[in-house]
Structure formats: C-alpha cells, structure tokens
Amino acid sequence: MIEATRRTGTILTAGFATLALSGCITSRVEDAREGMTGIEDDEAVVILAKSYHLGNETEDKYISCVEDALSRGSKGLRVIPHRQFVDSLFPWFEPRTAPAETRGLPKLMERPGVAERIADQKVRYIIWLDGDTDRVAGGGSLSCAVGPGGGGCFGFAWWQNDADYNAAVWDLKGLESAGSVTADVSGTSFLPALVIPIPLIARARASACKGLADQLRDFIIDEPEV
C-alpha cells in the first residue's frame, strides 16, 4: 500500500479598500494517498455528502460547487450529479443506508441491481464530503442614521468564517479507499463605513470549493509522487 501526504502550503491574500474589494483569506489544502489512482475518459466520479443535517443547505450547495469546479477545464472529469446517482440506486446510497467505510462495499455490490446500475453509469470513484462553514469570530460596531440633511453609516465591523472540508475517495474498481483530500480555509471580512459602508468580503466557502476541487482532480488523475 502506498502512503503519501502532499501539502500545497498556505496562501495568504490581503485585501484593503484602496487595493481590492476583498477580505483576508488563508488556505491550506492537503491530500493523503493510500493507493494508485487514474481514470479513463469514459469513467465518472460521484460526490456525496457523508452526513446530512436537517435544515442545513450548505452541504448540498457545496457539493454542487465542487461538482461544477471538478468538471471544468481541459482536465475536467466527468461528474454525475449526486442526486441523480442517489435516486438511481435508491435506497442504497441514502445517508441512513450508505456504507460507512469501504469494507461495506463488497456486500453492497452483491445486492440485486447495484453493481449493474453503477457499471451502467461508469462510476469509478465515489467522493464522500464531510465538513461545513462556520462563523467563528467577529467584532466591531456599526451605526447608521438618517437626518434632515441626509444619512450615513459610521464605524467598523469584522467577522471570520472557517471552511473545513474532508473528501474521502473510494475506488469502486478495487473496492478500496484511494485516500483523502482536505481543505482548511479561513476568511476574515471587513465592513468599514464612513458615510457609505464598503464591504470587503472574504469568500471562505468559495475558496475551499475551488481548492478542494483542484486538488481532487490532481489526486485522481496524477500518479503518486515517489
């Protein structure tokens, strides 16, 4: 078995009102490989939520974001929409019935119609996504008022969002784990106001989506580093 960890490092982007309308982003994306990977042109991947919390739409939106980013560009992969895949194999990939780990795959494949439906869609990898985006800190104050001579806002506010996601990659060809990719993104947004508020937004979830998708594509297509 191959065990390797690749680190892309830390990226720091600072935004100021005089330079760009963005906040501050720190991003760390890593992968840990457990086996050989590769994919044929006609093979596909599916991205599924490892868990689902009632009332939380972040997971579904984030999955759609990664699906879109993973399928773009000259090296884009063929991605089957997660809802289409789950519906075609109902109920075996619903959150309550899906296998928790790869050792449950052989038994699942023995169920009538499961292996055939997966083969018909040429699914090579299932990517299980877990994680969320949370606001972890914030502060400052901002007040707005309207008077006879006009109105305006004054003050300064800030907040920090952390986006932490883990993608476990299952290889259905060998019925084993190929490894995992993680994205840890922290974004600090600012809202200074001197009459007119100027939002400097750090889009942590969007950065985590792109970073995770780019690393997943390389992880699946590339051979492991020696």
Protein backbone atom coordinates (compact mmCIF):
# COMPACT_ATOMS: atom_id res chain seq x y z
CA MET A 1 0.00 0.00 0.00
CA ILE A 2 1.22 3.47 -0.82
CA GLU A 3 1.12 6.10 1.88
CA ALA A 4 1.98 9.65 0.93
CA THR A 5 1.00 13.11 2.02
CA ARG A 6 1.26 16.12 -0.27
CA ARG A 7 0.92 19.66 1.07
CA THR A 8 0.17 22.61 -1.13
CA GLY A 9 1.19 25.12 1.52
CA THR A 10 -0.51 28.22 2.82
CA ILE A 11 -1.81 31.05 0.68
CA LEU A 12 -2.38 34.49 2.17
CA THR A 13 -4.34 37.17 0.35
CA ALA A 14 -4.95 40.52 2.00
CA GLY A 15 -7.49 43.00 0.69
CA PHE A 16 -7.71 46.67 1.51
CA ALA A 17 -10.26 49.29 0.46
CA THR A 18 -7.68 51.13 -1.60
CA LEU A 19 -6.48 47.99 -3.38
CA ALA A 20 -9.29 45.48 -3.82
CA LEU A 21 -12.78 44.81 -2.52
CA SER A 22 -11.90 41.58 -0.73
CA GLY A 23 -11.10 40.40 2.75
CA CYS A 24 -8.28 38.23 4.01
CA ILE A 25 -8.03 34.53 3.11
CA THR A 26 -5.69 31.82 4.41
CA SER A 27 -5.95 28.46 2.68
CA ARG A 28 -4.43 25.05 3.29
CA VAL A 29 -5.17 22.05 1.06
CA GLU A 30 -3.59 18.62 1.55
CA ASP A 31 -4.01 15.10 0.27
CA ALA A 32 -3.09 11.74 1.79
CA ARG A 33 -2.79 8.89 -0.69
CA GLU A 34 -3.44 5.25 0.18
CA GLY A 35 -3.36 3.66 -3.28
CA MET A 36 -2.80 4.14 -7.00
CA THR A 37 -5.32 6.23 -8.91
CA GLY A 38 -6.17 7.04 -12.51
CA ILE A 39 -9.29 7.39 -14.60
CA GLU A 40 -10.37 6.65 -18.18
CA ASP A 41 -12.11 9.22 -20.35
CA ASP A 42 -15.46 7.44 -20.14
CA GLU A 43 -15.30 6.85 -16.37
CA ALA A 44 -17.04 9.16 -13.92
CA VAL A 45 -16.96 10.32 -10.33
CA VAL A 46 -19.80 10.98 -7.89
CA ILE A 47 -19.67 13.38 -4.94
CA LEU A 48 -21.89 12.57 -1.96
CA ALA A 49 -22.43 14.06 1.49
CA LYS A 50 -21.09 11.83 4.23
CA SER A 51 -23.78 13.15 6.55
CA TYR A 52 -26.80 15.39 6.31
CA HIS A 53 -28.14 17.73 8.96
CA LEU A 54 -31.78 18.70 8.68
CA GLY A 55 -32.21 22.31 7.65
CA ASN A 56 -28.58 22.76 6.56
CA GLU A 57 -28.40 23.59 2.85
CA THR A 58 -24.65 24.26 2.90
CA GLU A 59 -23.75 20.66 2.14
CA ASP A 60 -25.94 20.42 -0.95
CA LYS A 61 -24.75 23.79 -2.30
CA TYR A 62 -21.13 22.95 -1.56
CA ILE A 63 -21.39 19.59 -3.33
CA SER A 64 -22.86 21.31 -6.39
CA CYS A 65 -20.00 23.83 -6.30
CA VAL A 66 -17.34 21.08 -6.19
CA GLU A 67 -19.14 19.14 -8.94
CA ASP A 68 -19.07 22.18 -11.20
CA ALA A 69 -15.42 23.06 -10.44
CA LEU A 70 -14.27 19.44 -10.86
CA SER A 71 -15.83 19.14 -14.32
CA ARG A 72 -14.39 22.40 -15.72
CA GLY A 73 -11.32 22.97 -17.86
CA SER A 74 -9.27 20.84 -20.22
CA LYS A 75 -8.64 18.29 -17.44
CA GLY A 76 -12.23 18.32 -16.21
CA LEU A 77 -13.64 14.99 -15.04
CA ARG A 78 -17.00 13.51 -15.94
CA VAL A 79 -19.15 14.11 -12.86
CA ILE A 80 -22.54 12.51 -12.33
CA PRO A 81 -24.87 14.80 -10.31
CA HIS A 82 -25.19 13.45 -6.78
CA ARG A 83 -28.98 13.50 -6.68
CA GLN A 84 -29.21 11.61 -9.98
CA PHE A 85 -26.86 8.91 -8.67
CA VAL A 86 -28.62 8.55 -5.31
CA ASP A 87 -32.05 8.32 -6.98
CA SER A 88 -30.83 5.69 -9.45
CA LEU A 89 -29.64 3.48 -6.58
CA PHE A 90 -32.40 4.19 -4.05
CA PRO A 91 -32.21 3.42 -1.17
CA TRP A 92 -28.63 2.13 -1.01
CA PHE A 93 -26.85 5.50 -1.00
CA GLU A 94 -29.25 7.42 1.19
CA PRO A 95 -27.48 8.83 4.29
CA ARG A 96 -29.01 6.21 6.61
CA THR A 97 -28.20 3.18 4.44
CA ALA A 98 -24.94 4.06 2.67
CA PRO A 99 -21.86 2.06 3.75
CA ALA A 100 -19.82 3.85 6.41
CA GLU A 101 -16.49 2.55 5.11
CA THR A 102 -15.03 0.62 2.17
CA ARG A 103 -15.29 -2.79 3.79
CA GLY A 104 -19.06 -2.48 3.38
CA LEU A 105 -18.77 -2.11 -0.42
CA PRO A 106 -18.49 -5.82 -1.38
CA LYS A 107 -21.72 -6.65 0.47
CA LEU A 108 -23.46 -3.66 -1.11
CA MET A 109 -22.34 -4.70 -4.60
CA GLU A 110 -23.94 -8.11 -4.05
CA ARG A 111 -27.40 -6.57 -3.72
CA PRO A 112 -29.60 -7.04 -6.80
CA GLY A 113 -29.08 -4.35 -9.42
CA VAL A 114 -26.48 -2.29 -7.53
CA ALA A 115 -23.35 -3.34 -9.44
CA GLU A 116 -25.22 -3.18 -12.77
CA ARG A 117 -26.52 0.37 -12.20
CA ILE A 118 -23.08 1.59 -11.14
CA ALA A 119 -21.50 -0.07 -14.17
CA ASP A 120 -24.11 1.46 -16.50
CA GLN A 121 -23.10 4.93 -15.28
CA LYS A 122 -19.38 4.00 -15.43
CA VAL A 123 -18.74 5.34 -11.92
CA ARG A 124 -15.10 4.78 -10.93
CA TYR A 125 -14.86 6.89 -7.77
CA ILE A 126 -17.24 7.92 -5.01
CA ILE A 127 -16.07 11.03 -3.15
CA TRP A 128 -17.58 11.40 0.32
CA LEU A 129 -17.62 15.01 1.50
CA ASP A 130 -17.78 15.98 5.14
CA GLY A 131 -17.48 19.41 6.76
CA ASP A 132 -19.07 22.84 6.93
CA THR A 133 -18.50 26.59 7.02
CA ASP A 134 -18.98 28.37 10.35
CA ARG A 135 -18.64 31.91 11.64
CA VAL A 136 -16.11 31.61 14.44
CA ALA A 137 -15.41 35.21 15.47
CA GLY A 138 -16.41 38.80 14.90
CA GLY A 139 -16.46 42.23 16.44
CA GLY A 140 -16.63 45.98 16.00
CA SER A 141 -19.67 48.21 15.76
CA LEU A 142 -21.55 49.97 13.02
CA SER A 143 -24.37 52.52 13.26
CA CYS A 144 -26.50 54.16 10.62
CA ALA A 145 -28.75 57.21 10.93
CA VAL A 146 -30.95 59.37 8.75
CA GLY A 147 -31.49 63.08 9.43
CA PRO A 148 -32.81 66.20 7.72
CA GLY A 149 -29.50 66.72 5.96
CA GLY A 150 -29.15 63.15 4.79
CA GLY A 151 -27.90 59.95 6.32
CA GLY A 152 -24.92 57.68 6.58
CA CYS A 153 -23.19 54.87 8.42
CA PHE A 154 -20.16 55.10 10.67
CA GLY A 155 -17.96 52.51 12.34
CA PHE A 156 -16.11 49.31 11.60
CA ALA A 157 -17.12 45.65 11.84
CA TRP A 158 -15.37 42.38 11.04
CA TRP A 159 -16.13 38.66 11.11
CA GLN A 160 -14.26 35.43 10.46
CA ASN A 161 -15.60 32.32 8.69
CA ASP A 162 -13.80 28.97 8.73
CA ALA A 163 -14.48 26.43 5.97
CA ASP A 164 -13.21 22.94 6.82
CA TYR A 165 -13.94 20.05 4.45
CA ASN A 166 -12.67 16.50 4.03
CA ALA A 167 -13.13 14.39 0.88
CA ALA A 168 -12.66 10.62 1.20
CA VAL A 169 -12.06 8.99 -2.20
CA TRP A 170 -13.33 5.43 -2.72
CA ASP A 171 -12.17 3.45 -5.75
CA LEU A 172 -15.03 1.22 -6.90
CA LYS A 173 -12.74 -0.71 -9.25
CA GLY A 174 -10.79 -2.20 -6.37
CA LEU A 175 -13.47 -1.62 -3.72
CA GLU A 176 -10.94 0.19 -1.55
CA SER A 177 -10.01 3.62 -0.25
CA ALA A 178 -7.71 5.64 -2.51
CA GLY A 179 -7.06 8.31 0.11
CA SER A 180 -8.42 11.70 1.10
CA VAL A 181 -8.17 15.42 0.37
CA THR A 182 -8.75 18.13 2.97
CA ALA A 183 -9.31 21.87 2.66
CA ASP A 184 -9.00 24.27 5.59
CA VAL A 185 -9.81 27.87 4.66
CA SER A 186 -10.17 30.83 6.99
CA GLY A 187 -11.58 34.12 5.75
CA THR A 188 -11.83 37.45 7.57
CA SER A 189 -14.26 40.01 6.17
CA PHE A 190 -14.34 43.72 6.98
CA LEU A 191 -17.04 46.36 6.84
CA PRO A 192 -15.62 49.88 7.30
CA ALA A 193 -18.10 52.74 6.99
CA LEU A 194 -17.55 56.46 6.68
CA VAL A 195 -20.96 57.57 5.42
CA ILE A 196 -21.06 54.67 2.91
CA PRO A 197 -20.28 51.09 4.04
CA ILE A 198 -17.60 49.36 1.94
CA PRO A 199 -17.82 45.56 2.36
CA LEU A 200 -14.53 43.69 1.98
CA ILE A 201 -15.76 40.11 1.78
CA ALA A 202 -13.57 37.02 2.19
CA ARG A 203 -15.40 34.15 0.49
CA ALA A 204 -14.05 31.23 2.51
CA ARG A 205 -16.51 28.61 1.23
CA ALA A 206 -15.90 29.52 -2.41
CA SER A 207 -12.13 29.32 -1.88
CA ALA A 208 -12.49 25.95 -0.15
CA CYS A 209 -14.62 24.69 -3.05
CA LYS A 210 -12.08 25.64 -5.71
CA GLY A 211 -9.06 24.48 -3.72
CA LEU A 212 -10.62 21.12 -2.90
CA ALA A 213 -11.79 20.53 -6.49
CA ASP A 214 -8.37 21.37 -7.97
CA GLN A 215 -6.61 19.04 -5.55
CA LEU A 216 -9.14 16.24 -6.10
CA ARG A 217 -8.64 16.47 -9.86
CA ASP A 218 -4.87 16.18 -9.49
CA PHE A 219 -5.25 13.41 -6.92
CA ILE A 220 -7.41 11.28 -9.22
CA ILE A 221 -5.56 11.94 -12.48
CA ASP A 222 -1.93 12.02 -11.30
CA GLU A 223 0.26 9.15 -10.28
CA PRO A 224 1.55 9.36 -6.68
CA GLU A 225 4.84 11.16 -6.09
CA VAL A 226 7.83 8.90 -5.43
